[in-house]
Protein backbone atom coordinates (compact mmCIF):
# COMPACT_ATOMS: atom_id res chain seq x y z
CA MET A 1 0.00 0.00 0.00
CA THR A 2 1.30 3.45 -0.90
CA LEU A 3 0.70 6.77 0.80
CA ASP A 4 -0.60 8.40 -2.40
CA ARG A 5 -4.23 8.09 -1.46
CA PHE A 6 -3.60 9.89 1.84
CA ILE A 7 -1.63 12.78 0.34
CA ARG A 8 -3.60 15.78 -0.83
CA VAL A 9 -2.16 16.99 -4.13
CA LYS A 10 -1.27 20.68 -4.25
CA TYR A 11 -2.15 22.05 -7.65
CA LYS A 12 -0.68 25.19 -9.16
CA ALA A 13 -3.05 28.00 -10.11
CA ASN A 14 -2.88 31.53 -11.45
CA GLU A 15 -4.86 33.05 -8.58
CA LYS A 16 -5.30 36.44 -10.27
CA LYS A 17 -6.87 34.84 -13.33
CA VAL A 18 -9.03 32.56 -11.19
CA GLU A 19 -10.31 35.55 -9.23
CA VAL A 20 -11.26 37.40 -12.43
CA LEU A 21 -12.96 34.22 -13.67
CA ARG A 22 -15.00 33.99 -10.46
CA GLU A 23 -15.97 37.67 -10.69
CA ILE A 24 -17.16 37.39 -14.29
CA LEU A 25 -19.13 34.20 -13.71
CA SER A 26 -20.71 35.62 -10.54
CA GLU A 27 -21.78 38.69 -12.50
CA LEU A 28 -23.23 36.58 -15.31
CA GLY A 29 -25.09 34.19 -13.01
CA LEU A 30 -27.53 31.40 -13.72
CA ASP A 31 -29.85 33.65 -15.75
CA CYS A 32 -27.13 34.21 -18.34
CA ALA A 33 -26.50 30.48 -18.62
CA ARG A 34 -30.20 29.84 -19.15
CA THR A 35 -30.40 32.54 -21.83
CA ILE A 36 -27.49 30.99 -23.70
CA GLU A 37 -28.99 27.52 -23.44
CA GLU A 38 -32.48 28.47 -24.60
CA ARG A 39 -31.85 31.39 -26.97
CA VAL A 40 -28.32 30.89 -28.31
CA ASP A 41 -27.62 27.14 -28.37
CA LEU A 42 -28.66 25.75 -31.76
CA GLN A 43 -29.00 22.31 -30.18
CA PHE A 44 -31.92 23.60 -28.09
CA ASP A 45 -33.64 24.72 -31.29
CA ALA A 46 -33.06 21.28 -32.80
CA LEU A 47 -34.78 19.67 -29.82
CA LYS A 48 -37.74 22.05 -30.04
CA ASN A 49 -38.12 21.11 -33.68
CA LEU A 50 -38.09 17.38 -32.91
CA HIS A 51 -40.55 17.79 -30.04
CA ALA A 52 -43.01 19.71 -32.22
CA ASN A 53 -42.84 17.11 -34.98
CA LEU A 54 -42.98 13.96 -32.83
CA GLY A 55 -45.94 14.91 -30.64
CA ASP A 56 -44.84 12.24 -28.14
CA ASP A 57 -43.10 13.51 -24.99
CA GLU A 58 -41.94 10.09 -23.81
CA LEU A 59 -40.36 9.08 -27.11
CA PHE A 60 -38.87 12.55 -27.48
CA ILE A 61 -37.02 12.43 -24.16
CA LYS A 62 -35.83 8.86 -24.67
CA LEU A 63 -34.46 9.75 -28.11
CA VAL A 64 -32.61 12.74 -26.65
CA ILE A 65 -30.95 10.55 -24.01
CA ALA A 66 -30.06 7.92 -26.62
CA ASN A 67 -28.63 10.52 -28.99
CA SER A 68 -26.48 12.01 -26.25
CA ILE A 69 -24.92 8.62 -25.55
CA VAL A 70 -23.65 8.36 -29.14
CA SER A 71 -22.58 12.02 -29.47
CA TYR A 72 -18.84 11.45 -29.70
CA GLN A 73 -16.25 11.13 -32.49
CA LEU A 74 -18.44 13.35 -34.66
CA THR A 75 -17.53 14.30 -38.22
CA ALA A 76 -18.98 17.83 -37.88
CA LYS A 77 -19.81 20.37 -35.19
CA GLY A 78 -22.30 19.24 -32.58
CA GLU A 79 -24.93 21.73 -33.72
CA ARG A 80 -25.01 20.16 -37.18
CA TRP A 81 -25.23 16.66 -35.70
CA TRP A 82 -28.15 17.54 -33.45
CA TRP A 83 -30.03 19.15 -36.31
CA GLU A 84 -29.44 16.08 -38.47
CA PHE A 85 -30.79 13.94 -35.63
CA SER A 86 -33.81 16.25 -35.24
CA ARG A 87 -34.73 16.21 -38.92
CA TYR A 88 -34.20 12.46 -39.32
CA PHE A 89 -36.36 11.35 -36.40
CA SER A 90 -38.98 14.00 -37.16
CA GLU A 91 -39.51 12.12 -40.42
CA ASN A 92 -38.65 8.61 -39.19
CA PRO A 93 -39.87 8.14 -35.62
CA PRO A 94 -38.85 4.68 -34.39
CA ALA A 95 -41.81 2.32 -34.23
CA GLY A 96 -39.92 -0.17 -32.06
CA SER A 97 -36.32 -0.48 -30.95
CA ILE A 98 -34.33 2.75 -30.75
CA ALA A 99 -31.09 0.82 -31.24
CA GLU A 100 -32.45 -0.70 -34.45
CA ALA A 101 -33.50 2.75 -35.65
CA TYR A 102 -29.94 4.00 -35.13
CA SER A 103 -28.49 0.99 -36.95
CA SER A 104 -30.23 2.43 -40.03
CA PHE A 105 -29.58 6.10 -39.24
CA LEU A 106 -25.89 6.21 -38.31
CA PRO A 107 -24.31 4.46 -41.33
CA ASN A 108 -25.87 7.10 -43.59
CA SER A 109 -25.29 10.07 -41.28
CA MET A 110 -23.33 13.01 -42.63
CA THR A 111 -22.14 14.12 -39.20
CA ASN A 112 -21.79 10.95 -37.05
CA ARG A 113 -20.67 7.92 -38.98
CA ARG A 114 -17.54 6.89 -37.11
CA LEU A 115 -17.50 3.82 -34.84
CA VAL A 116 -21.07 2.93 -35.80
CA ALA A 117 -21.00 -0.65 -34.52
CA GLY A 118 -19.78 0.43 -31.09
CA LYS A 119 -22.38 3.17 -30.84
CA VAL A 120 -25.20 0.79 -31.73
CA ARG A 121 -23.94 -1.65 -29.07
CA ARG A 122 -24.05 1.18 -26.50
CA LEU A 123 -27.68 1.81 -27.42
CA GLU A 124 -28.47 -1.88 -27.13
CA ARG A 125 -27.10 -1.82 -23.56
CA LEU A 126 -29.04 1.37 -22.83
CA GLU A 127 -32.38 0.32 -24.29
CA PRO A 128 -33.61 -1.90 -21.42
CA PHE A 129 -33.03 1.04 -19.08
CA LEU A 130 -34.99 3.41 -21.33
CA ASP A 131 -37.77 0.83 -21.68
CA SER A 132 -38.08 0.51 -17.91
CA PHE A 133 -39.93 3.75 -17.28
CA SER A 134 -42.82 5.83 -18.61
CA LEU A 135 -43.31 9.55 -18.99
CA SER A 136 -44.11 9.86 -15.29
CA GLY A 137 -40.74 8.30 -14.46
CA LEU A 138 -38.98 10.70 -16.79
CA ARG A 139 -40.83 13.58 -15.17
CA ASP A 140 -39.63 12.41 -11.75
CA TYR A 141 -36.03 12.30 -12.98
CA TYR A 142 -36.40 15.86 -14.26
CA PHE A 143 -37.94 17.44 -11.19
CA ASN A 144 -36.40 15.29 -8.47
CA GLY A 145 -33.59 13.12 -9.74
CA MET A 146 -31.12 14.32 -12.36
CA GLU A 147 -28.31 13.12 -10.12
CA ARG A 148 -30.01 9.74 -9.86
CA LEU A 149 -30.39 9.66 -13.65
CA ARG A 150 -26.64 10.23 -14.03
CA ASP A 151 -25.85 7.38 -11.65
CA GLU A 152 -28.26 4.94 -13.28
CA LEU A 153 -27.16 5.82 -16.81
CA ALA A 154 -23.56 5.17 -15.77
CA LYS A 155 -24.52 1.82 -14.24
CA ALA A 156 -26.49 0.77 -17.31
CA LEU A 157 -23.56 1.53 -19.60
CA GLY A 158 -20.77 0.40 -17.28
CA SER A 159 -19.26 3.90 -17.34
CA LYS A 160 -17.90 6.28 -14.73
CA ARG A 161 -20.44 8.76 -13.39
CA SER A 162 -18.21 11.62 -14.56
CA ALA A 163 -17.77 10.22 -18.08
CA LYS A 164 -18.24 12.90 -20.72
CA THR A 165 -21.16 11.24 -22.52
CA ILE A 166 -22.93 10.47 -19.23
CA VAL A 167 -22.94 14.04 -17.91
CA PHE A 168 -23.64 15.38 -21.41
CA ALA A 169 -26.69 13.09 -21.56
CA VAL A 170 -27.95 14.65 -18.31
CA LYS A 171 -27.44 18.11 -19.78
CA MET A 172 -29.43 17.30 -22.91
CA PHE A 173 -32.05 15.53 -20.80
CA GLY A 174 -32.40 18.83 -18.93
CA TYR A 175 -33.02 20.61 -22.23
CA ALA A 176 -35.61 18.01 -23.21
CA GLY A 177 -37.31 18.24 -19.81
CA ARG A 178 -37.68 22.01 -20.10
CA ILE A 179 -39.26 21.62 -23.52
CA ALA A 180 -41.56 18.72 -22.63
CA PHE A 181 -42.62 19.83 -19.14
CA GLY A 182 -42.52 23.60 -19.64
CA GLU A 183 -40.50 24.43 -16.50
CA PHE A 184 -36.87 25.30 -15.86
CA VAL A 185 -35.09 23.14 -13.29
CA PRO A 186 -31.39 24.00 -12.69
CA TYR A 187 -28.88 21.20 -12.94
CA PRO A 188 -27.65 19.83 -9.61
CA MET A 189 -24.39 21.31 -8.38
CA VAL A 190 -22.89 17.83 -7.95
CA ILE A 191 -23.08 16.86 -11.62
CA GLU A 192 -19.71 17.30 -13.28
CA ILE A 193 -18.79 19.48 -16.27
CA PRO A 194 -18.23 17.47 -19.48
CA ASP A 195 -14.44 17.04 -19.61
CA ASP A 196 -13.89 17.47 -23.34
CA VAL A 197 -10.87 18.74 -25.27
CA ARG A 198 -11.98 22.38 -25.23
CA ILE A 199 -12.74 22.47 -21.50
CA ASN A 200 -9.47 20.70 -20.77
CA ALA A 201 -7.44 23.23 -22.76
CA TYR A 202 -9.30 26.20 -21.25
CA THR A 203 -8.81 24.91 -17.71
CA LYS A 204 -5.04 24.87 -18.25
CA ARG A 205 -5.12 28.67 -18.55
CA PHE A 206 -5.93 28.77 -14.84
CA THR A 207 -4.56 25.65 -13.19
CA ASN A 208 -3.09 22.18 -13.62
CA GLU A 209 -5.94 20.82 -11.49
CA PRO A 210 -8.21 18.30 -13.24
CA PRO A 211 -11.13 20.15 -14.93
CA VAL A 212 -13.87 18.24 -13.11
CA SER A 213 -12.67 19.21 -9.63
CA PHE A 214 -11.67 22.76 -10.64
CA TRP A 215 -15.03 23.65 -12.21
CA GLY A 216 -16.88 21.90 -9.41
CA ARG A 217 -15.25 24.26 -6.94
CA ILE A 218 -15.83 27.30 -9.18
CA GLY A 219 -19.46 26.26 -9.37
CA GLU A 220 -19.78 26.20 -5.59
CA GLU A 221 -18.05 29.58 -5.27
CA THR A 222 -20.18 31.31 -7.91
CA GLY A 223 -23.48 29.52 -7.32
CA ILE A 224 -23.58 28.27 -10.93
CA PRO A 225 -23.73 24.47 -11.38
CA PRO A 226 -20.94 23.11 -13.60
CA LEU A 227 -23.29 22.04 -16.40
CA HIS A 228 -24.50 25.64 -16.62
CA ILE A 229 -20.91 26.93 -16.53
CA ASP A 230 -20.32 24.67 -19.53
CA SER A 231 -23.08 26.57 -21.35
CA ILE A 232 -21.53 29.96 -20.58
CA LEU A 233 -18.12 28.81 -21.81
CA TRP A 234 -19.46 27.18 -24.97
CA PRO A 235 -19.74 30.33 -27.16
CA VAL A 236 -16.27 31.38 -25.95
CA LEU A 237 -14.59 28.11 -26.92
CA GLY A 238 -15.07 28.12 -30.66
CA GLY A 239 -18.59 29.38 -31.20
CA SER A 240 -19.54 29.91 -34.85
CA ALA A 241 -20.39 33.30 -36.34
CA GLU A 242 -24.07 32.43 -35.99
CA VAL A 243 -23.63 31.54 -32.33
CA LEU A 244 -21.86 34.83 -31.63
CA ARG A 245 -24.58 36.72 -33.51
CA ARG A 246 -27.26 35.06 -31.41
CA LEU A 247 -25.27 35.71 -28.24
CA LYS A 248 -25.14 39.44 -28.97
CA GLU A 249 -28.82 39.49 -29.93
CA HIS A 250 -30.22 37.67 -26.91
CA CYS A 251 -27.74 38.09 -24.04
CA THR A 252 -27.48 41.57 -22.54
CA LYS A 253 -24.21 40.59 -20.86
CA TRP A 254 -22.58 39.26 -24.02
CA GLU A 255 -19.50 41.45 -23.58
CA ASP A 256 -18.81 39.87 -20.19
CA VAL A 257 -19.22 36.42 -21.75
CA LEU A 258 -16.63 37.24 -24.38
CA ARG A 259 -14.25 38.59 -21.71
CA LEU A 260 -13.84 34.98 -20.68
CA ALA A 261 -12.10 34.29 -23.99
CA ASN A 262 -9.24 36.61 -23.09
CA LEU A 263 -8.40 35.20 -19.67
């Protein structure tokens, strides 16, 4: 047995930058994150389109969870992938197995056709979990149990609770819940930020601490859950011209958002 587990690692940080980061995020607050999610994020629009065309809240939410689980190794930006998903299932709602529907969809996708066999196998493992509850169960997850959803998704897929696709699935589930149930429920503070390449690189501007623990602490200090911090950072970390246009149109604090890019 080593002593590593008993030694608290001391990470290096640029405290001046971290303090400015905290100040900007505190000024922006949860309202700014919600505005970006609902008025700027093109993925939210894609979900609204699918919801309107499906006319089935239960199938809509299950499809959103399933799509999140296979949203990796994309061949285009995520916004294009989610719009392709929205248009496809608006016209081809699955009559039976979601995994079978994806086995037809993914090989012909323009934006997500890598590792198709592995993605379909993930959906096959996920499907019994999705089949196990009705709309009322999904509603309970939304209003009372997003943390529980994260844990059970991870168990069903044999993944870590902090795995990028698991926490991203909870984020998109939150979008779907807002659309289907018509109420905003903030993400729980304990759910981790998706640790992707962009977040990892941005975190290194401030510290060598792992992104999940760093942004978890920043969330506690600013009162903004990490999944909502992810939304605020998203336009800063490579947002398209259309995203930046929408940010300036809908977010009164857009200049403060863009200040984050220069830290």
